[in-house]
Amino acid sequence: MNRFRLCNLALWLVLGLAVLGMVVSVAWADADKKPAKKKLTGQELYAINCNRCHTERYPTERTPAQWKTIVTHMRVRANLPADQAKAILKYLQEDAGK
């Protein structure tokens, strides 16, 4: 094999390996990404968390001030994170009775 063909073959081999390396690194990067979690609404959080121990109450059964007291109390009892309790409270107060 002459020198020109050998250099040409070596060049194509190096380029092929470089492209393969890029493809593999992109595939690994995509595999490391976690799918975005859907943020649950206050209504969904209310249904999930409050149904564990008792039946759901309609938001219209209480006033906004009563819901604030209840959610504050239940946040401790149900060990709810602050952001979830806030979303639940917002949902309940939006449709609360007067």
Protein backbone atom coordinates (compact mmCIF):
# COMPACT_ATOMS: atom_id res chain seq x y z
CA MET A 1 0.00 0.00 0.00
CA ASN A 2 1.43 3.34 -0.86
CA ARG A 3 1.90 6.12 1.63
CA PHE A 4 -0.94 8.29 0.26
CA ARG A 5 -3.53 5.54 0.69
CA LEU A 6 -2.26 4.76 4.16
CA CYS A 7 -2.56 8.42 5.22
CA ASN A 8 -6.00 8.64 3.65
CA LEU A 9 -7.15 5.52 5.48
CA ALA A 10 -5.73 6.83 8.77
CA LEU A 11 -7.50 10.15 8.27
CA TRP A 12 -10.87 8.45 7.63
CA LEU A 13 -10.34 6.22 10.65
CA VAL A 14 -9.65 9.22 12.90
CA LEU A 15 -12.67 11.11 11.55
CA GLY A 16 -14.89 8.06 12.01
CA LEU A 17 -13.76 7.64 15.61
CA ALA A 18 -14.34 11.35 16.29
CA VAL A 19 -17.89 11.17 14.94
CA LEU A 20 -18.55 7.99 16.91
CA GLY A 21 -17.27 9.69 20.07
CA MET A 22 -19.62 12.63 19.55
CA VAL A 23 -22.60 10.35 18.97
CA VAL A 24 -21.86 8.36 22.12
CA SER A 25 -21.37 11.49 24.24
CA VAL A 26 -24.70 12.95 23.04
CA ALA A 27 -26.45 9.66 23.80
CA TRP A 28 -24.99 9.58 27.31
CA ALA A 29 -25.94 13.20 27.89
CA ASP A 30 -29.55 12.47 26.87
CA ALA A 31 -29.64 9.40 29.12
CA ASP A 32 -28.61 11.52 32.12
CA LYS A 33 -31.49 13.94 31.69
CA LYS A 34 -34.48 13.25 33.88
CA PRO A 35 -37.94 13.82 32.46
CA ALA A 36 -39.58 16.96 33.76
CA LYS A 37 -42.01 16.26 36.55
CA LYS A 38 -45.52 17.52 36.13
CA LYS A 39 -46.39 20.04 38.79
CA LEU A 40 -49.63 19.00 40.47
CA THR A 41 -52.42 21.51 40.97
CA GLY A 42 -53.87 22.39 44.36
CA GLN A 43 -56.97 20.38 43.53
CA GLU A 44 -54.90 17.31 42.62
CA LEU A 45 -52.78 17.64 45.76
CA TYR A 46 -55.93 18.01 47.87
CA ALA A 47 -57.44 14.85 46.37
CA ILE A 48 -54.22 12.86 46.81
CA ASN A 49 -53.28 13.93 50.34
CA CYS A 50 -56.58 14.55 52.10
CA ASN A 51 -58.26 11.37 50.88
CA ARG A 52 -55.66 9.25 52.63
CA CYS A 53 -57.29 9.69 56.04
CA HIS A 54 -60.78 11.04 55.51
CA THR A 55 -63.30 11.90 52.82
CA GLU A 56 -62.84 15.09 50.87
CA ARG A 57 -64.76 18.15 51.88
CA TYR A 58 -66.15 20.56 49.34
CA PRO A 59 -64.35 23.91 49.31
CA THR A 60 -67.71 25.66 49.73
CA GLU A 61 -68.22 24.03 53.15
CA ARG A 62 -65.83 26.46 54.87
CA THR A 63 -64.84 30.12 54.70
CA PRO A 64 -61.36 31.17 53.52
CA ALA A 65 -60.32 31.86 57.14
CA GLN A 66 -61.51 28.43 58.27
CA TRP A 67 -59.61 26.74 55.43
CA LYS A 68 -56.45 28.59 56.45
CA THR A 69 -56.73 27.23 59.99
CA ILE A 70 -57.52 23.72 58.80
CA VAL A 71 -54.70 23.59 56.23
CA THR A 72 -52.21 24.96 58.77
CA HIS A 73 -53.20 22.21 61.20
CA MET A 74 -53.29 19.46 58.57
CA ARG A 75 -49.94 20.48 57.10
CA VAL A 76 -48.33 19.36 60.37
CA ARG A 77 -50.47 16.24 60.75
CA ALA A 78 -50.03 15.09 57.14
CA ASN A 79 -46.39 16.22 56.92
CA LEU A 80 -47.05 18.30 53.79
CA PRO A 81 -44.31 20.43 52.25
CA ALA A 82 -44.99 24.17 52.41
CA ASP A 83 -45.44 24.59 48.66
CA GLN A 84 -48.03 21.82 48.53
CA ALA A 85 -49.94 23.18 51.51
CA LYS A 86 -49.93 26.62 49.89
CA ALA A 87 -51.32 25.22 46.61
CA ILE A 88 -54.03 23.28 48.47
CA LEU A 89 -54.98 26.35 50.50
CA LYS A 90 -55.18 28.50 47.37
CA TYR A 91 -57.48 25.94 45.72
CA LEU A 92 -59.75 25.72 48.77
CA GLN A 93 -59.94 29.47 49.30
CA GLU A 94 -60.70 30.23 45.65
CA ASP A 95 -63.92 28.17 45.84
CA ALA A 96 -64.66 28.73 49.52
CA GLY A 97 -68.05 29.58 50.91
CA LYS A 98 -68.70 33.05 52.27
